[in-house]
PDB file of N, CA and C in Angstrom:
ATOM      1  N   MET A   1     111.444  57.993 143.868  1.00  0.00           N
ATOM      2  CA  MET A   1     109.854  57.890 142.988  1.00  0.00           C
ATOM      3  C   MET A   1     110.593  57.498 142.307  1.00  0.00           C
ATOM      4  N   LYS A   2     109.363  55.861 142.074  1.00  0.00           N
ATOM      5  CA  LYS A   2     109.285  55.257 141.246  1.00  0.00           C
ATOM      6  C   LYS A   2     109.107  56.114 139.157  1.00  0.00           C
ATOM      7  N   VAL A   3     109.597  55.284 138.239  1.00  0.00           N
ATOM      8  CA  VAL A   3     109.563  56.367 137.663  1.00  0.00           C
ATOM      9  C   VAL A   3     108.709  54.912 136.986  1.00  0.00           C
ATOM     10  N   GLU A   4     107.623  55.113 136.353  1.00  0.00           N
ATOM     11  CA  GLU A   4     106.761  54.667 135.164  1.00  0.00           C
ATOM     12  C   GLU A   4     106.727  54.641 133.610  1.00  0.00           C
ATOM     13  N   GLU A   5     107.037  53.852 133.166  1.00  0.00           N
ATOM     14  CA  GLU A   5     106.709  53.732 131.921  1.00  0.00           C
ATOM     15  C   GLU A   5     105.280  54.003 131.052  1.00  0.00           C
ATOM     16  N   PRO A   6     105.589  55.140 129.842  1.00  0.00           N
ATOM     17  CA  PRO A   6     104.113  55.862 129.242  1.00  0.00           C
ATOM     18  C   PRO A   6     103.684  54.643 127.889  1.00  0.00           C
ATOM     19  N   THR A   7     102.951  54.412 128.355  1.00  0.00           N
ATOM     20  CA  THR A   7     102.254  53.912 127.345  1.00  0.00           C
ATOM     21  C   THR A   7     101.208  54.838 126.155  1.00  0.00           C
ATOM     22  N   SER A   8     101.476  55.795 126.759  1.00  0.00           N
ATOM     23  CA  SER A   8     101.429  56.432 124.952  1.00  0.00           C
ATOM     24  C   SER A   8     102.312  58.076 124.990  1.00  0.00           C
ATOM     25  N   PHE A   9     101.983  58.376 123.352  1.00  0.00           N
ATOM     26  CA  PHE A   9     103.134  59.555 123.644  1.00  0.00           C
ATOM     27  C   PHE A   9     102.175  60.771 124.274  1.00  0.00           C
ATOM     28  N   LEU A  10     100.708  60.276 124.503  1.00  0.00           N
ATOM     29  CA  LEU A  10     100.014  61.498 125.316  1.00  0.00           C
ATOM     30  C   LEU A  10     101.489  61.644 127.089  1.00  0.00           C
ATOM     31  N   GLU A  11     101.382  59.907 127.357  1.00  0.00           N
ATOM     32  CA  GLU A  11     101.483  60.144 128.571  1.00  0.00           C
ATOM     33  C   GLU A  11     103.751  60.893 128.644  1.00  0.00           C
ATOM     34  N   VAL A  12     104.293  61.206 127.749  1.00  0.00           N
ATOM     35  CA  VAL A  12     105.280  61.116 127.600  1.00  0.00           C
ATOM     36  C   VAL A  12     104.927  63.125 127.493  1.00  0.00           C
ATOM     37  N   VAL A  13     104.293  63.919 126.883  1.00  0.00           N
ATOM     38  CA  VAL A  13     104.789  64.643 127.151  1.00  0.00           C
ATOM     39  C   VAL A  13     103.963  65.435 128.741  1.00  0.00           C
ATOM     40  N   ASP A  14     102.769  64.075 129.331  1.00  0.00           N
ATOM     41  CA  ASP A  14     102.790  65.002 130.532  1.00  0.00           C
ATOM     42  C   ASP A  14     104.172  64.437 131.124  1.00  0.00           C
ATOM     43  N   SER A  15     104.807  64.008 130.930  1.00  0.00           N
ATOM     44  CA  SER A  15     105.811  63.247 132.177  1.00  0.00           C
ATOM     45  C   SER A  15     107.511  63.947 132.905  1.00  0.00           C
ATOM     46  N   PRO A  16     107.284  64.011 133.819  1.00  0.00           N
ATOM     47  CA  PRO A  16     108.575  64.585 134.170  1.00  0.00           C
ATOM     48  C   PRO A  16     110.142  64.472 133.712  1.00  0.00           C
ATOM     49  N   SER A  17     110.377  63.727 133.191  1.00  0.00           N
ATOM     50  CA  SER A  17     111.276  63.270 132.397  1.00  0.00           C
ATOM     51  C   SER A  17     111.091  62.778 130.651  1.00  0.00           C
ATOM     52  N   HIS A  18     110.199  64.092 130.199  1.00  0.00           N
ATOM     53  CA  HIS A  18     109.632  64.607 128.806  1.00  0.00           C
ATOM     54  C   HIS A  18     110.504  64.299 127.742  1.00  0.00           C
ATOM     55  N   LYS A  19     111.926  65.849 128.227  1.00  0.00           N
ATOM     56  CA  LYS A  19     112.679  65.884 127.298  1.00  0.00           C
ATOM     57  C   LYS A  19     114.058  64.178 126.750  1.00  0.00           C
ATOM     58  N   GLU A  20     114.455  63.963 128.352  1.00  0.00           N
ATOM     59  CA  GLU A  20     114.981  62.600 128.435  1.00  0.00           C
ATOM     60  C   GLU A  20     114.199  61.591 127.144  1.00  0.00           C
ATOM     61  N   ARG A  21     112.811  61.408 126.975  1.00  0.00           N
ATOM     62  CA  ARG A  21     112.526  60.948 126.031  1.00  0.00           C
ATOM     63  C   ARG A  21     112.101  61.377 124.449  1.00  0.00           C
ATOM     64  N   MET A  22     111.817  62.304 124.620  1.00  0.00           N
ATOM     65  CA  MET A  22     112.147  63.198 122.758  1.00  0.00           C
ATOM     66  C   MET A  22     113.138  62.507 123.011  1.00  0.00           C
ATOM     67  N   ASP A  23     114.222  63.085 123.519  1.00  0.00           N
ATOM     68  CA  ASP A  23     115.377  62.598 123.185  1.00  0.00           C
ATOM     69  C   ASP A  23     116.041  61.634 122.200  1.00  0.00           C
ATOM     70  N   THR A  24     115.059  60.128 123.543  1.00  0.00           N
ATOM     71  CA  THR A  24     114.779  59.141 122.721  1.00  0.00           C
ATOM     72  C   THR A  24     114.305  58.991 121.317  1.00  0.00           C
ATOM     73  N   MET A  25     113.380  59.448 121.636  1.00  0.00           N
ATOM     74  CA  MET A  25     112.611  59.049 120.342  1.00  0.00           C
ATOM     75  C   MET A  25     112.998  59.747 119.066  1.00  0.00           C
ATOM     76  N   ARG A  26     114.370  61.225 119.530  1.00  0.00           N
ATOM     77  CA  ARG A  26     114.326  62.085 118.405  1.00  0.00           C
ATOM     78  C   ARG A  26     115.644  60.909 117.833  1.00  0.00           C
ATOM     79  N   ASP A  27     116.549  60.399 118.963  1.00  0.00           N
ATOM     80  CA  ASP A  27     117.685  59.580 117.952  1.00  0.00           C
ATOM     81  C   ASP A  27     116.877  58.646 117.399  1.00  0.00           C
ATOM     82  N   GLU A  28     115.833  57.599 117.851  1.00  0.00           N
ATOM     83  CA  GLU A  28     115.094  56.007 116.759  1.00  0.00           C
ATOM     84  C   GLU A  28     114.883  56.817 116.196  1.00  0.00           C
ATOM     85  N   MET A  29     114.726  58.360 115.448  1.00  0.00           N
ATOM     86  CA  MET A  29     113.549  58.338 113.719  1.00  0.00           C
ATOM     87  C   MET A  29     114.858  58.729 113.196  1.00  0.00           C
ATOM     88  N   ASP A  30     116.004  59.306 114.339  1.00  0.00           N
ATOM     89  CA  ASP A  30     117.403  59.132 113.176  1.00  0.00           C
ATOM     90  C   ASP A  30     118.182  57.795 112.737  1.00  0.00           C
ATOM     91  N   SER A  31     118.115  57.092 113.738  1.00  0.00           N
ATOM     92  CA  SER A  31     118.836  56.196 113.432  1.00  0.00           C
ATOM     93  C   SER A  31     117.623  55.014 112.095  1.00  0.00           C
ATOM     94  N   MET A  32     116.622  55.356 112.183  1.00  0.00           N
ATOM     95  CA  MET A  32     116.255  54.115 110.833  1.00  0.00           C
ATOM     96  C   MET A  32     115.710  54.892 110.025  1.00  0.00           C
ATOM     97  N   VAL A  33     115.949  56.451 109.558  1.00  0.00           N
ATOM     98  CA  VAL A  33     117.101  57.405 108.254  1.00  0.00           C
ATOM     99  C   VAL A  33     117.882  56.696 108.780  1.00  0.00           C
ATOM    100  N   ARG A  34     118.706  56.580 108.592  1.00  0.00           N
ATOM    101  CA  ARG A  34     120.110  56.510 108.450  1.00  0.00           C
ATOM    102  C   ARG A  34     120.484  55.344 108.354  1.00  0.00           C
ATOM    103  N   ILE A  35     119.278  54.319 108.749  1.00  0.00           N
ATOM    104  CA  ILE A  35     119.512  52.715 107.912  1.00  0.00           C
ATOM    105  C   ILE A  35     118.878  52.463 106.775  1.00  0.00           C
ATOM    106  N   LYS A  36     118.028  52.468 106.639  1.00  0.00           N
ATOM    107  CA  LYS A  36     117.493  53.234 105.239  1.00  0.00           C
ATOM    108  C   LYS A  36     116.047  51.957 105.601  1.00  0.00           C
ATOM    109  N   VAL A  37     115.251  51.329 106.684  1.00  0.00           N
ATOM    110  CA  VAL A  37     114.261  51.307 107.164  1.00  0.00           C
ATOM    111  C   VAL A  37     112.835  52.519 107.255  1.00  0.00           C
ATOM    112  N   TRP A  38     113.325  54.041 107.361  1.00  0.00           N
ATOM    113  CA  TRP A  38     111.781  54.293 107.869  1.00  0.00           C
ATOM    114  C   TRP A  38     112.351  56.184 106.650  1.00  0.00           C
ATOM    115  N   ALA A  39     111.159  55.947 105.681  1.00  0.00           N
ATOM    116  CA  ALA A  39     111.190  57.158 104.166  1.00  0.00           C
ATOM    117  C   ALA A  39     109.349  57.433 104.534  1.00  0.00           C
ATOM    118  N   LEU A  40     109.586  59.179 104.308  1.00  0.00           N
ATOM    119  CA  LEU A  40     108.140  59.145 104.067  1.00  0.00           C
ATOM    120  C   LEU A  40     108.645  59.862 103.031  1.00  0.00           C
ATOM    121  N   VAL A  41     107.215  58.989 102.471  1.00  0.00           N
ATOM    122  CA  VAL A  41     106.879  59.311 101.215  1.00  0.00           C
ATOM    123  C   VAL A  41     105.027  59.611 101.344  1.00  0.00           C
ATOM    124  N   ASP A  42     105.048  59.757  99.668  1.00  0.00           N
ATOM    125  CA  ASP A  42     103.019  59.787  99.264  1.00  0.00           C
ATOM    126  C   ASP A  42     101.991  58.827  99.985  1.00  0.00           C
ATOM    127  N   LEU A  43     101.369  58.593  99.946  1.00  0.00           N
ATOM    128  CA  LEU A  43     100.716  57.568  99.866  1.00  0.00           C
ATOM    129  C   LEU A  43      99.940  57.247  98.465  1.00  0.00           C
ATOM    130  N   PRO A  44     100.379  56.016  97.525  1.00  0.00           N
ATOM    131  CA  PRO A  44      99.705  55.889  96.498  1.00  0.00           C
ATOM    132  C   PRO A  44      98.112  56.305  96.767  1.00  0.00           C
ATOM    133  N   PRO A  45      97.412  56.628  95.694  1.00  0.00           N
ATOM    134  CA  PRO A  45      96.152  56.689  95.627  1.00  0.00           C
ATOM    135  C   PRO A  45      95.455  55.512  96.040  1.00  0.00           C
ATOM    136  N   GLN A  46      94.250  55.105  96.844  1.00  0.00           N
ATOM    137  CA  GLN A  46      93.918  53.525  97.071  1.00  0.00           C
ATOM    138  C   GLN A  46      94.268  53.095  97.889  1.00  0.00           C
ATOM    139  N   HIS A  47      95.506  53.363  98.320  1.00  0.00           N
ATOM    140  CA  HIS A  47      95.936  52.741  99.782  1.00  0.00           C
ATOM    141  C   HIS A  47      96.020  53.067 101.224  1.00  0.00           C
ATOM    142  N   LYS A  48      95.782  52.042 102.162  1.00  0.00           N
ATOM    143  CA  LYS A  48      95.288  52.310 102.723  1.00  0.00           C
ATOM    144  C   LYS A  48      97.826  52.208 103.882  1.00  0.00           C
ATOM    145  N   PHE A  49      97.666  53.552 104.880  1.00  0.00           N
ATOM    146  CA  PHE A  49      98.630  53.596 105.470  1.00  0.00           C
ATOM    147  C   PHE A  49      98.814  52.323 106.830  1.00  0.00           C
ATOM    148  N   ILE A  50      99.821  51.278 106.775  1.00  0.00           N
ATOM    149  CA  ILE A  50     100.314  50.469 108.344  1.00  0.00           C
ATOM    150  C   ILE A  50     100.121  51.921 109.441  1.00  0.00           C
ATOM    151  N   GLY A  51      99.767  51.591 110.582  1.00  0.00           N
ATOM    152  CA  GLY A  51      99.710  52.503 111.592  1.00  0.00           C
ATOM    153  C   GLY A  51     100.880  52.189 112.124  1.00  0.00           C
ATOM    154  N   ASN A  52     101.252  52.641 113.843  1.00  0.00           N
ATOM    155  CA  ASN A  52     102.411  52.338 114.630  1.00  0.00           C
ATOM    156  C   ASN A  52     102.333  52.755 115.240  1.00  0.00           C
ATOM    157  N   LYS A  53     102.977  52.540 116.363  1.00  0.00           N
ATOM    158  CA  LYS A  53     102.557  53.568 118.330  1.00  0.00           C
ATOM    159  C   LYS A  53     104.266  53.207 118.965  1.00  0.00           C
ATOM    160  N   TRP A  54     104.099  53.997 119.426  1.00  0.00           N
ATOM    161  CA  TRP A  54     105.390  54.204 119.827  1.00  0.00           C
ATOM    162  C   TRP A  54     105.300  53.305 121.653  1.00  0.00           C
ATOM    163  N   VAL A  55     106.207  53.022 122.071  1.00  0.00           N
ATOM    164  CA  VAL A  55     106.832  52.338 122.620  1.00  0.00           C
ATOM    165  C   VAL A  55     107.707  52.071 123.810  1.00  0.00           C
ATOM    166  N   PHE A  56     107.357  52.587 124.602  1.00  0.00           N
ATOM    167  CA  PHE A  56     108.746  53.057 125.235  1.00  0.00           C
ATOM    168  C   PHE A  56     108.577  52.215 126.555  1.00  0.00           C
ATOM    169  N   LYS A  57     109.685  51.587 127.252  1.00  0.00           N
ATOM    170  CA  LYS A  57     110.707  51.531 128.320  1.00  0.00           C
ATOM    171  C   LYS A  57     111.451  51.885 129.397  1.00  0.00           C
ATOM    172  N   ILE A  58     112.233  50.989 130.132  1.00  0.00           N
ATOM    173  CA  ILE A  58     113.215  51.774 131.097  1.00  0.00           C
ATOM    174  C   ILE A  58     113.764  50.693 131.633  1.00  0.00           C
ATOM    175  N   LYS A  59     115.527  51.362 130.848  1.00  0.00           N
ATOM    176  CA  LYS A  59     116.544  50.134 130.899  1.00  0.00           C
ATOM    177  C   LYS A  59     116.875  50.234 132.599  1.00  0.00           C
ATOM    178  N   ARG A  60     117.088  49.340 133.427  1.00  0.00           N
ATOM    179  CA  ARG A  60     117.543  50.011 135.104  1.00  0.00           C
ATOM    180  C   ARG A  60     118.692  48.770 135.330  1.00  0.00           C
ATOM    181  N   GLN A  61     119.473  48.974 136.282  1.00  0.00           N
ATOM    182  CA  GLN A  61     120.926  48.756 136.799  1.00  0.00           C
ATOM    183  C   GLN A  61     119.556  48.377 137.429  1.00  0.00           C
ATOM    184  N   THR A  62     120.667  46.816 138.064  1.00  0.00           N
ATOM    185  CA  THR A  62     120.977  45.969 139.730  1.00  0.00           C
ATOM    186  C   THR A  62     120.092  46.576 140.255  1.00  0.00           C
ATOM    187  N   ASP A  63     120.233  47.802 141.204  1.00  0.00           N
ATOM    188  CA  ASP A  63     119.461  48.957 141.747  1.00  0.00           C
ATOM    189  C   ASP A  63     118.355  49.207 141.708  1.00  0.00           C
ATOM    190  N   GLU A  64     117.588  48.993 141.049  1.00  0.00           N
ATOM    191  CA  GLU A  64     116.525  49.382 140.273  1.00  0.00           C
ATOM    192  C   GLU A  64     116.591  50.997 139.327  1.00  0.00           C
ATOM    193  N   SER A  65     117.620  52.196 139.634  1.00  0.00           N
ATOM    194  CA  SER A  65     118.317  53.187 139.495  1.00  0.00           C
ATOM    195  C   SER A  65     117.644  52.949 137.565  1.00  0.00           C
ATOM    196  N   ILE A  66     117.829  54.394 136.904  1.00  0.00           N
ATOM    197  CA  ILE A  66     117.123  54.579 135.441  1.00  0.00           C
ATOM    198  C   ILE A  66     118.988  54.239 135.672  1.00  0.00           C
ATOM    199  N   ASP A  67     119.019  53.403 133.831  1.00  0.00           N
ATOM    200  CA  ASP A  67     120.090  53.505 132.913  1.00  0.00           C
ATOM    201  C   ASP A  67     119.460  54.355 131.720  1.00  0.00           C
ATOM    202  N   GLN A  68     119.156  53.872 131.581  1.00  0.00           N
ATOM    203  CA  GLN A  68     118.433  54.783 129.917  1.00  0.00           C
ATOM    204  C   GLN A  68     117.077  54.605 129.959  1.00  0.00           C
ATOM    205  N   PHE A  69     116.648  54.692 129.176  1.00  0.00           N
ATOM    206  CA  PHE A  69     115.675  55.615 128.438  1.00  0.00           C
ATOM    207  C   PHE A  69     115.247  54.669 126.961  1.00  0.00           C
ATOM    208  N   GLN A  70     113.761  54.000 126.685  1.00  0.00           N
ATOM    209  CA  GLN A  70     114.177  53.151 125.403  1.00  0.00           C
ATOM    210  C   GLN A  70     113.253  54.069 125.264  1.00  0.00           C
ATOM    211  N   ALA A  71     112.993  54.244 123.410  1.00  0.00           N
ATOM    212  CA  ALA A  71     111.876  54.376 122.581  1.00  0.00           C
ATOM    213  C   ALA A  71     111.836  53.657 121.294  1.00  0.00           C
ATOM    214  N   HIS A  72     110.837  52.750 121.204  1.00  0.00           N
ATOM    215  CA  HIS A  72     111.244  52.346 120.065  1.00  0.00           C
ATOM    216  C   HIS A  72     109.528  52.388 118.953  1.00  0.00           C
ATOM    217  N   LEU A  73     109.755  53.128 117.934  1.00  0.00           N
ATOM    218  CA  LEU A  73     108.641  52.823 116.884  1.00  0.00           C
ATOM    219  C   LEU A  73     107.990  51.635 116.401  1.00  0.00           C
ATOM    220  N   VAL A  74     107.285  51.241 116.730  1.00  0.00           N
ATOM    221  CA  VAL A  74     106.774  49.455 115.732  1.00  0.00           C
ATOM    222  C   VAL A  74     105.293  49.656 114.747  1.00  0.00           C
ATOM    223  N   ALA A  75     105.617  48.506 114.626  1.00  0.00           N
ATOM    224  CA  ALA A  75     104.354  49.198 113.211  1.00  0.00           C
ATOM    225  C   ALA A  75     103.259  48.441 112.940  1.00  0.00           C
ATOM    226  N   LYS A  76     101.434  48.775 112.832  1.00  0.00           N
ATOM    227  CA  LYS A  76     100.509  47.962 113.752  1.00  0.00           C
ATOM    228  C   LYS A  76     100.815  46.973 112.299  1.00  0.00           C
ATOM    229  N   ASP A  77     101.976  45.991 111.821  1.00  0.00           N
ATOM    230  CA  ASP A  77     101.548  45.033 110.663  1.00  0.00           C
ATOM    231  C   ASP A  77     100.393  44.064 110.594  1.00  0.00           C
ATOM    232  N   PHE A  78      99.445  43.562 111.627  1.00  0.00           N
ATOM    233  CA  PHE A  78      98.050  43.199 111.309  1.00  0.00           C
ATOM    234  C   PHE A  78      97.804  43.498 110.263  1.00  0.00           C
ATOM    235  N   THR A  79      97.309  45.338 110.411  1.00  0.00           N
ATOM    236  CA  THR A  79      96.714  45.659 109.257  1.00  0.00           C
ATOM    237  C   THR A  79      97.356  44.790 107.719  1.00  0.00           C
ATOM    238  N   GLN A  80      98.125  44.583 108.009  1.00  0.00           N
ATOM    239  CA  GLN A  80      98.834  44.564 106.152  1.00  0.00           C
ATOM    240  C   GLN A  80      98.258  42.914 105.654  1.00  0.00           C
ATOM    241  N   ILE A  81      98.219  42.528 103.982  1.00  0.00           N
ATOM    242  CA  ILE A  81      96.980  41.824 104.170  1.00  0.00           C
ATOM    243  C   ILE A  81      98.749  40.919 103.305  1.00  0.00           C
ATOM    244  N   LYS A  82      98.437  39.933 102.901  1.00  0.00           N
ATOM    245  CA  LYS A  82      99.540  38.678 102.482  1.00  0.00           C
ATOM    246  C   LYS A  82      99.089  38.655 101.155  1.00  0.00           C
ATOM    247  N   GLY A  83     100.572  39.525 100.096  1.00  0.00           N
ATOM    248  CA  GLY A  83      99.711  39.307  98.390  1.00  0.00           C
ATOM    249  C   GLY A  83      99.352  41.067  97.769  1.00  0.00           C
ATOM    250  N   ILE A  84      99.162  41.477  99.310  1.00  0.00           N
ATOM    251  CA  ILE A  84      98.475  42.764  99.035  1.00  0.00           C
ATOM    252  C   ILE A  84      99.928  43.892  98.803  1.00  0.00           C
ATOM    253  N   TYR A  85     100.585  43.838 100.677  1.00  0.00           N
ATOM    254  CA  TYR A  85     102.015  44.102 101.261  1.00  0.00           C
ATOM    255  C   TYR A  85     102.729  43.552 101.118  1.00  0.00           C
ATOM    256  N   TYR A  86     102.601  42.655 100.666  1.00  0.00           N
ATOM    257  CA  TYR A  86     103.947  42.120 101.139  1.00  0.00           C
ATOM    258  C   TYR A  86     104.210  40.799 100.142  1.00  0.00           C
ATOM    259  N   GLU A  87     105.247  39.586  99.766  1.00  0.00           N
ATOM    260  CA  GLU A  87     105.125  38.868  99.610  1.00  0.00           C
ATOM    261  C   GLU A  87     105.619  37.445  99.773  1.00  0.00           C
TER     262      GLU A  87
END
Protein backbone atom coordinates (compact mmCIF):
# COMPACT_ATOMS: atom_id res chain seq x y z
CA MET A 1 0.00 0.00 0.00
CA LYS A 2 1.37 3.40 -1.00
CA VAL A 3 1.18 6.00 1.78
CA GLU A 4 0.64 9.53 0.48
CA GLU A 5 1.79 12.76 2.08
CA PRO A 6 -1.16 14.65 3.59
CA THR A 7 -1.71 18.26 2.60
CA SER A 8 -3.65 19.34 5.69
CA PHE A 9 -4.16 18.57 9.36
CA LEU A 10 -7.59 17.12 8.57
CA GLU A 11 -5.99 14.60 6.21
CA VAL A 12 -3.62 13.59 9.03
CA VAL A 13 -6.51 12.99 11.40
CA ASP A 14 -8.22 10.76 8.83
CA SER A 15 -5.08 8.85 7.82
CA PRO A 16 -4.22 5.31 8.95
CA SER A 17 -0.88 6.63 10.22
CA HIS A 18 -2.43 9.42 12.33
CA LYS A 19 -0.83 8.25 15.59
CA GLU A 20 2.69 8.32 14.14
CA ARG A 21 2.06 11.68 12.49
CA MET A 22 0.60 13.23 15.66
CA ASP A 23 3.68 12.02 17.57
CA THR A 24 5.88 13.66 14.92
CA MET A 25 3.92 16.93 15.23
CA ARG A 26 4.29 16.83 19.02
CA ASP A 27 8.05 16.25 18.64
CA GLU A 28 8.27 19.25 16.28
CA MET A 29 6.47 21.52 18.77
CA ASP A 30 8.61 20.27 21.68
CA SER A 31 11.74 20.94 19.64
CA MET A 32 10.66 24.51 18.81
CA VAL A 33 9.93 25.24 22.48
CA ARG A 34 13.25 23.70 23.54
CA ILE A 35 15.33 25.81 21.13
CA LYS A 36 13.23 28.88 21.94
CA VAL A 37 11.83 29.64 18.49
CA TRP A 38 8.23 29.25 19.65
CA ALA A 39 6.32 30.72 22.55
CA LEU A 40 2.61 31.18 23.09
CA VAL A 41 1.98 34.85 23.92
CA ASP A 42 -0.93 37.28 24.02
CA LEU A 43 -1.38 39.22 20.80
CA PRO A 44 -0.79 42.97 21.34
CA PRO A 45 -3.79 45.18 20.57
CA GLN A 46 -4.28 46.13 16.91
CA HIS A 47 -1.81 43.54 15.64
CA LYS A 48 -2.58 40.62 13.35
CA PHE A 49 -1.22 37.18 13.93
CA ILE A 50 1.03 35.51 11.38
CA GLY A 51 -0.61 32.40 10.02
CA ASN A 52 1.08 29.05 9.94
CA LYS A 53 0.70 25.72 8.22
CA TRP A 54 1.79 22.16 8.86
CA VAL A 55 3.88 20.63 6.07
CA PHE A 56 4.07 16.85 6.08
CA LYS A 57 6.70 14.71 4.38
CA ILE A 58 7.62 11.06 4.29
CA LYS A 59 11.29 10.15 4.31
CA ARG A 60 11.73 6.90 2.38
CA GLN A 61 14.48 4.34 2.11
CA THR A 62 15.90 3.31 -1.26
CA ASP A 63 13.38 0.45 -1.51
CA GLU A 64 10.55 3.02 -1.06
CA SER A 65 9.63 1.75 2.41
CA ILE A 66 8.92 4.43 5.01
CA ASP A 67 11.96 5.50 7.00
CA GLN A 68 10.20 8.21 9.01
CA PHE A 69 7.33 10.66 8.98
CA GLN A 70 8.21 14.35 9.14
CA ALA A 71 6.11 17.34 10.17
CA HIS A 72 7.18 20.98 10.04
CA LEU A 73 5.23 23.98 11.26
CA VAL A 74 5.99 26.89 8.95
CA ALA A 75 5.02 30.55 9.18
CA LYS A 76 3.15 32.18 6.35
CA ASP A 77 5.66 35.00 6.39
CA PHE A 78 4.28 36.60 3.22
CA THR A 79 1.75 38.29 5.54
CA GLN A 80 4.52 40.24 7.29
CA ILE A 81 5.32 43.83 6.36
CA LYS A 82 8.92 45.07 6.48
CA GLY A 83 9.36 47.82 9.06
CA ILE A 84 6.28 46.75 11.02
CA TYR A 85 6.86 43.09 11.79
CA TYR A 86 10.59 42.90 11.18
CA GLU A 87 13.60 45.04 10.28
